[in-house]
N, C-alpha and C. Protein backbone atom coordinates (compact mmCIF):
# COMPACT_ATOMS: atom_id res chain seq x y z
N UNK A 1 -100.77 -109.47 32.35
CA UNK A 1 -101.28 -108.90 30.79
C UNK A 1 -102.16 -107.28 31.65
N UNK A 2 -101.22 -106.90 32.38
CA UNK A 2 -101.74 -105.53 32.57
C UNK A 2 -101.51 -104.53 31.10
N UNK A 3 -100.54 -104.40 30.59
CA UNK A 3 -99.92 -103.99 29.42
C UNK A 3 -101.46 -104.08 28.31
N UNK A 4 -101.54 -104.77 27.60
CA UNK A 4 -102.62 -105.41 26.50
C UNK A 4 -103.64 -104.09 26.72
N UNK A 5 -104.16 -104.54 27.57
CA UNK A 5 -105.80 -103.93 27.93
C UNK A 5 -105.50 -102.42 28.55
N UNK A 6 -104.53 -102.27 28.76
CA UNK A 6 -104.03 -100.61 28.60
C UNK A 6 -103.47 -100.22 27.59
N UNK A 7 -103.06 -100.87 26.55
CA UNK A 7 -102.03 -100.13 25.93
C UNK A 7 -103.69 -100.03 24.33
N UNK A 8 -104.11 -100.90 24.75
CA UNK A 8 -105.57 -100.73 23.76
C UNK A 8 -106.74 -100.32 24.13
N UNK A 9 -106.35 -99.32 25.36
CA UNK A 9 -107.65 -98.76 26.29
C UNK A 9 -107.30 -96.68 26.08
N UNK A 10 -106.60 -96.58 26.77
CA UNK A 10 -106.13 -95.44 27.47
C UNK A 10 -105.23 -94.82 25.99
N UNK A 11 -105.01 -95.41 25.55
CA UNK A 11 -104.05 -94.22 24.39
C UNK A 11 -104.96 -93.95 23.30
N UNK A 12 -105.51 -95.69 22.61
CA UNK A 12 -106.19 -95.40 22.09
C UNK A 12 -107.91 -94.54 21.63
N UNK A 13 -108.06 -94.39 23.47
CA UNK A 13 -108.83 -93.24 23.54
C UNK A 13 -108.18 -91.62 23.83
N UNK A 14 -107.80 -92.11 23.63
CA UNK A 14 -106.74 -90.68 24.30
C UNK A 14 -106.86 -89.72 22.50
N UNK A 15 -106.41 -90.46 21.57
CA UNK A 15 -105.76 -90.25 20.64
C UNK A 15 -107.28 -89.83 19.99
N UNK A 16 -108.28 -90.76 20.30
CA UNK A 16 -109.62 -90.28 19.04
C UNK A 16 -109.70 -89.24 19.31
N UNK A 17 -110.12 -88.97 21.30
CA UNK A 17 -110.47 -87.85 22.09
C UNK A 17 -109.73 -86.39 21.41
N UNK A 18 -108.54 -86.64 21.63
CA UNK A 18 -107.44 -85.68 20.88
C UNK A 18 -107.76 -85.53 19.35
N UNK A 19 -108.19 -86.18 18.40
CA UNK A 19 -109.12 -85.70 17.09
C UNK A 19 -110.15 -85.26 17.18
N UNK A 20 -111.57 -85.64 17.80
CA UNK A 20 -112.69 -84.95 17.82
C UNK A 20 -112.64 -83.78 18.72
N UNK A 21 -111.42 -83.30 19.74
CA UNK A 21 -110.76 -82.07 19.76
C UNK A 21 -110.81 -81.36 18.38
N UNK A 22 -109.98 -81.92 18.06
CA UNK A 22 -109.12 -81.02 16.35
C UNK A 22 -110.61 -80.69 15.70
N UNK A 23 -111.50 -81.21 15.37
CA UNK A 23 -112.45 -81.45 14.65
C UNK A 23 -113.70 -80.85 14.86
N UNK A 24 -113.69 -80.31 16.68
CA UNK A 24 -114.71 -79.96 16.75
C UNK A 24 -114.24 -78.19 17.01
N UNK A 25 -112.50 -77.71 16.51
CA UNK A 25 -112.23 -77.10 17.12
C UNK A 25 -112.32 -76.36 15.45
N UNK A 26 -112.77 -77.21 14.33
CA UNK A 26 -112.63 -76.79 12.80
C UNK A 26 -113.83 -76.20 12.94
N UNK A 27 -114.74 -76.89 13.75
CA UNK A 27 -116.94 -76.71 13.49
C UNK A 27 -116.46 -75.08 14.52
N UNK A 28 -115.92 -74.86 15.09
CA UNK A 28 -115.80 -73.77 15.42
C UNK A 28 -115.39 -72.92 14.79
N UNK A 29 -114.83 -73.13 13.76
CA UNK A 29 -113.83 -72.06 12.75
C UNK A 29 -115.43 -72.10 11.82
N UNK A 30 -115.95 -72.78 11.27
CA UNK A 30 -116.87 -73.00 10.62
C UNK A 30 -118.18 -72.40 10.95
N UNK A 31 -118.45 -72.50 12.34
CA UNK A 31 -119.53 -71.16 12.77
C UNK A 31 -118.73 -69.92 13.04
N UNK A 32 -117.75 -69.58 12.11
CA UNK A 32 -117.78 -68.36 12.40
C UNK A 32 -117.74 -67.66 10.65
N UNK A 33 -117.45 -68.63 9.83
CA UNK A 33 -116.99 -68.22 8.65
C UNK A 33 -118.29 -68.32 8.05
N UNK A 34 -119.62 -69.34 8.69
CA UNK A 34 -120.10 -69.78 7.13
C UNK A 34 -121.72 -69.00 8.38
N UNK A 35 -121.39 -68.11 9.79
CA UNK A 35 -122.46 -67.19 9.93
C UNK A 35 -123.49 -68.75 10.69
N UNK A 36 -122.79 -70.00 10.97
CA UNK A 36 -124.16 -70.97 11.81
C UNK A 36 -123.79 -71.04 13.70
N UNK A 37 -125.73 -70.68 13.65
CA UNK A 37 -125.28 -70.12 15.17
C UNK A 37 -124.91 -72.16 15.80
N UNK A 38 -124.19 -72.23 16.99
CA UNK A 38 -123.51 -73.29 17.37
C UNK A 38 -124.66 -74.59 17.62
N UNK A 39 -125.89 -73.46 18.21
CA UNK A 39 -126.38 -74.58 18.76
C UNK A 39 -127.73 -75.87 17.88
N UNK A 40 -127.12 -74.90 16.41
CA UNK A 40 -127.68 -75.44 15.21
C UNK A 40 -126.86 -77.00 15.29
N UNK A 41 -125.28 -75.77 14.62
CA UNK A 41 -124.39 -77.64 15.09
C UNK A 41 -124.78 -78.35 15.83
N UNK A 42 -124.64 -78.14 17.46
CA UNK A 42 -124.98 -79.32 18.41
C UNK A 42 -125.45 -80.05 18.22
N UNK A 43 -127.10 -79.43 17.80
CA UNK A 43 -128.39 -80.11 17.44
C UNK A 43 -128.38 -81.03 15.75
N UNK A 44 -127.55 -81.24 15.23
CA UNK A 44 -127.64 -81.71 13.76
C UNK A 44 -126.95 -83.33 14.06
N UNK A 45 -128.08 -83.36 13.16
CA UNK A 45 -128.18 -85.56 13.54
C UNK A 45 -128.24 -86.25 11.62
N UNK A 46 -127.42 -86.91 11.82
CA UNK A 46 -127.77 -87.91 10.39
C UNK A 46 -129.40 -88.06 10.33
N UNK A 47 -129.85 -88.34 10.78
CA UNK A 47 -131.01 -89.42 10.41
C UNK A 47 -132.36 -88.64 12.27
N UNK A 48 -132.84 -88.65 11.47
CA UNK A 48 -134.01 -87.79 12.62
C UNK A 48 -134.43 -88.55 13.89
N UNK A 49 -133.69 -90.28 13.22
CA UNK A 49 -133.99 -90.84 15.08
C UNK A 49 -132.44 -91.52 15.76
N UNK A 50 -131.95 -90.38 15.27
CA UNK A 50 -130.45 -90.59 16.18
C UNK A 50 -130.23 -89.16 16.86
N UNK A 51 -129.03 -89.74 17.69
CA UNK A 51 -128.36 -88.69 18.53
C UNK A 51 -128.46 -87.70 17.79
N UNK A 52 -128.77 -86.41 17.85
CA UNK A 52 -127.79 -84.88 18.12
C UNK A 52 -126.45 -85.17 18.33
N UNK A 53 -125.76 -84.81 17.39
CA UNK A 53 -124.09 -83.66 17.59
C UNK A 53 -123.68 -83.65 19.42
N UNK A 54 -124.17 -83.33 20.11
CA UNK A 54 -123.67 -83.06 21.80
C UNK A 54 -124.03 -84.14 22.47
N UNK A 55 -124.81 -84.61 21.73
CA UNK A 55 -125.22 -85.99 22.88
C UNK A 55 -124.20 -87.38 22.74
N UNK A 56 -123.97 -86.91 20.79
CA UNK A 56 -122.53 -88.26 20.55
C UNK A 56 -121.42 -87.74 21.15
N UNK A 57 -121.25 -86.57 21.12
CA UNK A 57 -119.73 -85.78 22.15
C UNK A 57 -120.10 -86.69 23.74
N UNK A 58 -120.46 -86.57 24.02
CA UNK A 58 -121.76 -86.68 25.83
C UNK A 58 -121.10 -87.64 25.77
N UNK A 59 -121.34 -88.92 24.91
CA UNK A 59 -121.75 -90.58 24.76
C UNK A 59 -119.78 -90.93 24.60
N UNK A 60 -119.62 -90.68 23.63
CA UNK A 60 -117.84 -90.81 23.69
C UNK A 60 -117.23 -90.51 24.99
N UNK A 61 -117.49 -89.06 25.32
CA UNK A 61 -116.78 -88.99 26.69
C UNK A 61 -117.06 -90.22 27.51
N UNK A 62 -118.34 -90.60 27.65
CA UNK A 62 -118.83 -91.41 29.05
C UNK A 62 -118.26 -92.92 28.71
N UNK A 63 -117.92 -93.57 27.35
CA UNK A 63 -117.83 -94.46 27.10
C UNK A 63 -115.92 -94.74 27.40
N UNK A 64 -115.43 -93.38 27.12
CA UNK A 64 -113.51 -94.12 27.48
C UNK A 64 -113.25 -93.64 28.78
N UNK A 65 -114.39 -92.60 29.97
CA UNK A 65 -114.16 -93.21 31.14
C UNK A 65 -114.78 -94.32 31.52
N UNK A 66 -115.92 -94.27 31.14
CA UNK A 66 -116.60 -95.36 32.06
C UNK A 66 -116.14 -97.23 31.66
N UNK A 67 -115.48 -96.99 29.98
CA UNK A 67 -115.39 -98.36 29.57
C UNK A 67 -113.31 -98.59 30.76
N UNK A 68 -112.64 -97.93 30.33
CA UNK A 68 -111.66 -98.10 32.00
C UNK A 68 -111.39 -98.00 33.09
N UNK A 69 -112.47 -96.77 33.93
CA UNK A 69 -112.54 -97.16 34.86
C UNK A 69 -113.25 -98.91 35.04
N UNK A 70 -114.06 -99.34 34.15
CA UNK A 70 -115.02 -100.19 34.72
C UNK A 70 -113.92 -101.62 34.49
N UNK A 71 -113.19 -101.03 33.66
CA UNK A 71 -111.66 -102.70 33.76
C UNK A 71 -110.92 -102.77 34.95
N UNK A 72 -110.65 -101.64 35.71
CA UNK A 72 -109.97 -101.16 37.30
C UNK A 72 -110.37 -101.87 37.91
N UNK A 73 -112.03 -101.93 38.11
CA UNK A 73 -112.77 -101.23 39.18
C UNK A 73 -112.66 -99.51 40.26
N UNK A 74 -112.77 -98.64 39.35
CA UNK A 74 -113.30 -97.62 40.01
C UNK A 74 -114.32 -97.06 39.24
N UNK A 75 -114.84 -95.69 40.26
CA UNK A 75 -116.08 -95.14 39.35
C UNK A 75 -115.28 -94.33 38.71
N UNK A 76 -115.73 -94.28 37.65
CA UNK A 76 -115.97 -93.24 36.50
C UNK A 76 -116.10 -91.44 37.19
N UNK A 77 -115.25 -90.54 36.52
CA UNK A 77 -115.86 -89.65 36.82
C UNK A 77 -117.07 -88.76 36.78
N UNK A 78 -118.37 -88.32 37.34
CA UNK A 78 -119.64 -88.33 37.38
C UNK A 78 -119.53 -86.81 35.77
N UNK A 79 -120.30 -86.95 34.77
CA UNK A 79 -120.50 -85.38 34.11
C UNK A 79 -121.66 -85.73 33.80
N UNK A 80 -122.40 -84.12 34.46
CA UNK A 80 -123.42 -83.59 33.44
C UNK A 80 -123.11 -83.26 32.11
N UNK A 81 -124.67 -83.98 31.80
CA UNK A 81 -124.56 -83.31 30.95
C UNK A 81 -125.44 -82.27 29.97
N UNK A 82 -124.52 -80.54 29.98
CA UNK A 82 -125.63 -79.98 30.33
C UNK A 82 -124.85 -79.20 29.50
N UNK A 83 -123.97 -79.54 28.58
CA UNK A 83 -122.67 -78.66 27.53
C UNK A 83 -124.13 -77.99 26.21
N UNK A 84 -124.08 -76.38 26.51
CA UNK A 84 -124.69 -75.73 25.31
C UNK A 84 -123.39 -75.15 24.66
N UNK A 85 -122.33 -75.69 24.41
CA UNK A 85 -121.57 -74.68 23.38
C UNK A 85 -120.37 -76.05 22.98
N UNK A 86 -119.97 -75.87 21.67
CA UNK A 86 -119.02 -75.95 21.28
C UNK A 86 -117.87 -76.33 22.12
N UNK A 87 -117.42 -74.73 22.85
CA UNK A 87 -116.68 -74.01 24.24
C UNK A 87 -116.67 -75.71 25.11
N UNK A 88 -117.57 -75.79 25.34
CA UNK A 88 -118.30 -76.41 26.44
C UNK A 88 -117.97 -78.53 26.40
N UNK A 89 -118.07 -78.24 25.00
CA UNK A 89 -117.71 -80.22 25.10
C UNK A 89 -116.50 -80.01 24.33
N UNK A 90 -115.40 -78.86 24.35
CA UNK A 90 -114.57 -79.03 24.02
C UNK A 90 -113.43 -79.15 25.82
N UNK A 91 -114.76 -78.53 26.97
CA UNK A 91 -113.73 -79.08 28.45
C UNK A 91 -114.04 -80.33 28.46
N UNK A 92 -114.84 -80.36 28.35
CA UNK A 92 -115.70 -81.85 28.30
C UNK A 92 -114.58 -82.86 27.85
N UNK A 93 -114.17 -82.79 26.61
CA UNK A 93 -113.31 -83.60 26.56
C UNK A 93 -112.17 -83.35 27.03
N UNK A 94 -111.29 -82.46 27.84
CA UNK A 94 -110.44 -82.33 28.41
C UNK A 94 -110.69 -82.94 29.94
N UNK A 95 -111.27 -82.38 29.96
CA UNK A 95 -111.41 -83.29 31.81
C UNK A 95 -111.43 -84.53 31.36
N UNK A 96 -112.02 -85.41 30.43
CA UNK A 96 -111.85 -86.61 30.04
C UNK A 96 -109.93 -87.44 29.77
N UNK A 97 -110.24 -86.37 29.59
CA UNK A 97 -108.49 -86.93 29.01
C UNK A 97 -107.58 -86.91 29.64
N UNK A 98 -108.50 -85.43 31.07
CA UNK A 98 -107.49 -85.09 32.39
C UNK A 98 -107.50 -86.90 33.12
N UNK A 99 -108.87 -87.49 33.27
CA UNK A 99 -108.55 -89.02 34.19
C UNK A 99 -108.25 -89.64 33.30
N UNK A 100 -108.22 -90.06 32.27
CA UNK A 100 -107.03 -91.03 31.31
C UNK A 100 -105.89 -90.94 31.18
N UNK A 101 -105.57 -89.66 31.76
CA UNK A 101 -104.21 -89.43 32.26
C UNK A 101 -103.44 -89.99 33.92
N UNK A 102 -104.14 -89.86 34.45
CA UNK A 102 -103.94 -90.43 36.06
C UNK A 102 -103.93 -91.70 35.91
N UNK A 103 -104.39 -92.56 34.75
CA UNK A 103 -104.49 -94.23 35.09
C UNK A 103 -103.03 -94.30 34.19
N UNK A 104 -102.51 -95.58 34.88
CA UNK A 104 -101.78 -96.73 35.52
C UNK A 104 -101.66 -97.47 34.48
N UNK A 105 -101.12 -98.34 33.38
CA UNK A 105 -100.81 -100.10 33.38
C UNK A 105 -100.86 -100.93 34.06
N UNK A 106 -99.87 -100.45 35.19
CA UNK A 106 -100.34 -101.66 36.50
C UNK A 106 -101.78 -101.57 36.76
N UNK A 107 -102.39 -100.20 37.27
CA UNK A 107 -104.04 -100.73 37.34
C UNK A 107 -104.43 -101.47 36.59
N UNK A 108 -104.51 -102.34 35.34
CA UNK A 108 -104.77 -102.99 34.41
C UNK A 108 -104.32 -104.35 34.32
N UNK A 109 -103.49 -104.64 35.92
CA UNK A 109 -103.12 -106.20 35.65
C UNK A 109 -104.29 -107.37 35.28
N UNK A 110 -105.16 -107.59 36.36
CA UNK A 110 -106.22 -108.37 36.60
C UNK A 110 -107.43 -107.78 35.72
N UNK A 111 -107.10 -106.98 34.32
CA UNK A 111 -108.30 -105.76 33.77
C UNK A 111 -109.16 -106.85 33.24
N UNK A 112 -108.27 -108.34 32.99
CA UNK A 112 -108.92 -109.48 31.47
C UNK A 112 -109.98 -110.37 32.37
N UNK A 113 -109.93 -110.25 33.62
CA UNK A 113 -110.73 -111.28 34.35
C UNK A 113 -111.82 -110.67 35.92
N UNK A 114 -111.74 -108.73 35.33
CA UNK A 114 -112.77 -108.37 36.31
C UNK A 114 -114.23 -108.19 35.42
N UNK A 115 -115.08 -108.93 36.19
CA UNK A 115 -116.60 -108.73 36.17
C UNK A 115 -116.67 -106.94 35.43
N UNK A 116 -116.92 -107.23 34.91
CA UNK A 116 -117.97 -105.72 34.40
C UNK A 116 -119.54 -106.01 34.18
N UNK A 117 -120.32 -105.54 34.93
CA UNK A 117 -121.72 -105.27 35.27
C UNK A 117 -122.42 -104.09 34.71
N UNK A 118 -123.37 -103.57 32.99
CA UNK A 118 -123.71 -102.75 33.05
C UNK A 118 -125.22 -102.69 33.05
N UNK A 119 -125.57 -101.48 34.00
CA UNK A 119 -126.99 -101.20 34.36
C UNK A 119 -128.22 -101.69 32.98
N UNK A 120 -127.28 -101.73 31.58
CA UNK A 120 -129.19 -102.05 31.03
C UNK A 120 -128.83 -103.36 30.60
N UNK A 121 -127.97 -104.63 31.00
CA UNK A 121 -128.24 -106.00 31.02
C UNK A 121 -128.10 -106.40 31.95
N UNK A 122 -129.48 -106.43 32.95
CA UNK A 122 -129.58 -106.76 34.10
C UNK A 122 -128.56 -108.81 34.09
N UNK A 123 -128.84 -109.31 35.23
CA UNK A 123 -128.24 -110.65 35.63
C UNK A 123 -127.26 -110.89 34.38
N UNK A 124 -126.49 -110.38 33.85
CA UNK A 124 -125.47 -110.72 32.97
C UNK A 124 -123.92 -109.54 33.42
N UNK A 125 -123.02 -110.53 32.97
CA UNK A 125 -121.67 -109.48 32.92
C UNK A 125 -120.48 -109.87 32.14
N UNK A 126 -119.63 -109.29 31.97
CA UNK A 126 -118.42 -109.35 30.43
C UNK A 126 -117.58 -110.14 31.09
N UNK A 127 -116.71 -110.44 30.96
CA UNK A 127 -114.91 -110.29 31.43
C UNK A 127 -114.44 -109.34 30.63
N UNK A 128 -113.38 -108.37 31.48
CA UNK A 128 -112.72 -107.20 31.18
C UNK A 128 -112.37 -107.82 29.74
N UNK A 129 -111.19 -108.65 29.45
CA UNK A 129 -111.10 -108.78 28.17
C UNK A 129 -111.64 -109.75 27.03
N UNK A 130 -112.69 -109.49 27.33
CA UNK A 130 -114.31 -109.48 26.06
C UNK A 130 -114.58 -107.83 26.26
N UNK A 131 -115.40 -107.51 27.24
CA UNK A 131 -115.49 -106.34 27.43
C UNK A 131 -114.99 -105.86 26.28
N UNK A 132 -113.67 -104.92 26.33
CA UNK A 132 -113.37 -104.14 25.64
C UNK A 132 -113.47 -104.25 24.48
N UNK A 133 -112.94 -105.23 23.51
CA UNK A 133 -113.27 -105.65 22.38
C UNK A 133 -114.56 -105.61 21.24
N UNK A 134 -115.27 -106.12 22.71
CA UNK A 134 -116.87 -106.55 21.35
C UNK A 134 -117.74 -105.38 22.09
N UNK A 135 -117.65 -104.65 23.00
CA UNK A 135 -118.24 -103.89 23.53
C UNK A 135 -117.79 -102.38 23.77
N UNK A 136 -116.57 -102.54 24.94
CA UNK A 136 -116.25 -100.47 24.90
C UNK A 136 -115.44 -99.63 23.41
N UNK A 137 -114.72 -100.57 22.78
CA UNK A 137 -114.15 -99.85 21.96
C UNK A 137 -115.44 -100.14 20.46
N UNK A 138 -116.35 -100.84 20.04
CA UNK A 138 -116.89 -100.80 19.13
C UNK A 138 -118.11 -99.13 19.36
N UNK A 139 -118.37 -99.11 20.99
CA UNK A 139 -119.18 -98.38 21.14
C UNK A 139 -118.59 -96.78 21.27
N UNK A 140 -117.67 -97.34 22.09
CA UNK A 140 -117.07 -95.70 21.89
C UNK A 140 -117.22 -95.01 20.21
N UNK A 141 -116.54 -96.14 19.69
CA UNK A 141 -115.54 -95.48 18.04
C UNK A 141 -117.48 -95.32 17.21
N UNK A 142 -118.47 -95.40 17.84
CA UNK A 142 -119.47 -95.57 16.51
C UNK A 142 -120.13 -93.99 17.06
N UNK A 143 -119.97 -93.46 18.71
CA UNK A 143 -119.93 -92.17 18.45
C UNK A 143 -119.55 -91.19 18.37
N UNK A 144 -117.87 -91.49 17.87
CA UNK A 144 -117.10 -91.07 17.42
C UNK A 144 -117.45 -90.90 15.65
N UNK A 145 -117.16 -91.82 15.36
CA UNK A 145 -117.54 -91.94 13.91
C UNK A 145 -118.43 -91.01 13.67
N UNK A 146 -119.81 -91.22 14.66
CA UNK A 146 -121.08 -90.47 13.88
C UNK A 146 -120.73 -89.25 14.27
N UNK A 147 -120.31 -88.95 15.50
CA UNK A 147 -119.80 -87.33 15.90
C UNK A 147 -119.14 -86.43 14.28
N UNK A 148 -118.42 -87.36 13.92
CA UNK A 148 -117.59 -86.76 12.47
C UNK A 148 -117.98 -86.84 11.33
N UNK A 149 -118.95 -87.40 11.14
CA UNK A 149 -119.90 -87.63 10.62
C UNK A 149 -121.45 -86.26 10.24
N UNK A 150 -121.19 -86.51 11.39
CA UNK A 150 -122.84 -84.94 11.32
C UNK A 150 -122.00 -84.14 10.89
N UNK A 151 -120.86 -83.79 11.59
CA UNK A 151 -119.98 -82.52 11.12
C UNK A 151 -119.77 -82.45 9.69
N UNK A 152 -119.25 -83.40 8.55
CA UNK A 152 -119.02 -83.40 7.27
C UNK A 152 -120.36 -83.12 6.79
N UNK A 153 -121.35 -84.01 6.97
CA UNK A 153 -122.58 -83.37 6.62
C UNK A 153 -123.00 -82.24 7.04
N UNK A 154 -122.96 -81.36 7.72
CA UNK A 154 -123.32 -79.83 7.81
C UNK A 154 -122.04 -79.03 7.43
N UNK A 155 -121.44 -79.60 6.68
CA UNK A 155 -120.33 -79.21 6.00
C UNK A 155 -118.83 -78.45 6.95
N UNK A 156 -118.98 -79.25 7.69
CA UNK A 156 -117.98 -79.06 8.20
C UNK A 156 -116.39 -79.78 7.43
N UNK A 157 -115.19 -78.85 6.93
CA UNK A 157 -114.58 -79.20 5.98
C UNK A 157 -113.30 -80.33 7.07
N UNK A 158 -113.61 -81.33 6.81
CA UNK A 158 -113.33 -82.26 7.41
C UNK A 158 -112.57 -83.03 6.43
N UNK A 159 -110.95 -84.02 6.57
CA UNK A 159 -110.91 -85.27 5.62
C UNK A 159 -110.60 -86.22 7.12
N UNK A 160 -110.93 -87.64 5.86
CA UNK A 160 -109.88 -88.40 6.93
C UNK A 160 -109.09 -88.49 8.08
N UNK A 161 -107.55 -87.68 7.63
CA UNK A 161 -106.89 -87.20 8.54
C UNK A 161 -107.74 -86.59 9.68
N UNK A 162 -108.01 -85.91 9.40
CA UNK A 162 -109.16 -85.14 11.10
C UNK A 162 -109.81 -85.91 12.35
N UNK A 163 -110.11 -87.29 10.91
CA UNK A 163 -110.56 -88.41 12.64
C UNK A 163 -109.76 -89.44 12.42
N UNK A 164 -108.80 -89.74 11.79
CA UNK A 164 -107.82 -90.76 12.38
C UNK A 164 -106.54 -90.41 12.77
N UNK A 165 -106.42 -89.05 12.18
CA UNK A 165 -105.47 -88.60 13.09
C UNK A 165 -103.76 -88.71 12.83
N UNK A 166 -102.67 -88.78 13.65
CA UNK A 166 -101.20 -89.01 13.10
C UNK A 166 -101.40 -90.68 12.90
N UNK A 167 -100.47 -91.18 11.77
CA UNK A 167 -100.19 -92.47 12.18
C UNK A 167 -98.14 -92.68 12.43
N UNK A 168 -97.87 -94.19 13.14
CA UNK A 168 -97.26 -94.51 13.49
C UNK A 168 -96.56 -94.88 12.24
N UNK A 169 -96.37 -94.52 11.48
CA UNK A 169 -94.64 -94.83 10.31
C UNK A 169 -93.39 -94.50 10.14
N UNK A 170 -92.81 -95.18 10.16
CA UNK A 170 -91.26 -95.40 9.52
C UNK A 170 -91.01 -96.09 8.51
N UNK A 171 -89.55 -95.14 8.29
CA UNK A 171 -89.06 -95.35 7.21
C UNK A 171 -88.02 -97.07 6.87
N UNK A 172 -88.46 -97.58 6.50
CA UNK A 172 -87.71 -98.22 6.05
C UNK A 172 -86.36 -98.38 5.58
N UNK A 173 -85.84 -99.29 6.30
CA UNK A 173 -83.96 -98.95 6.62
C UNK A 173 -83.67 -99.29 5.23
N UNK A 174 -82.41 -98.99 3.87
CA UNK A 174 -82.49 -99.88 2.42
C UNK A 174 -81.07 -100.30 3.50
């Protein structure tokens, strides 16, 4: 069972983070065009009690590397949450993508049965085959879509395709 958890984690995270990079590039252009300070964008949020854009992106990258690392039983790379510019967030995403590029399908062979413990659920654990669809992916996408929504909320010209990216579609053969 190595392929399914690899296939439903690493490539999914790579695509979503690559799309997020494109959104950040559009946000940079927005800041220049509209003369908006990047710090204003980084601290933007949808609601007063929600985390700001910068934190949404930090958590999304942490989720991508943390979920995959936990599935294969390795330590995820540590990243300090110190980003203060969109360029620094792009670098953080690139570092996460570089880590994901090192992962191989065979590392996920026993991932469905890997016991995964999270510090905020003491005395409980997931099995990898349930962790990915029940927690890893939904939590990751919550933060990715929230980052997209914040950028749209402040006026960055994004469309659904900026979030979804290209689709694997084929012409029907007649």
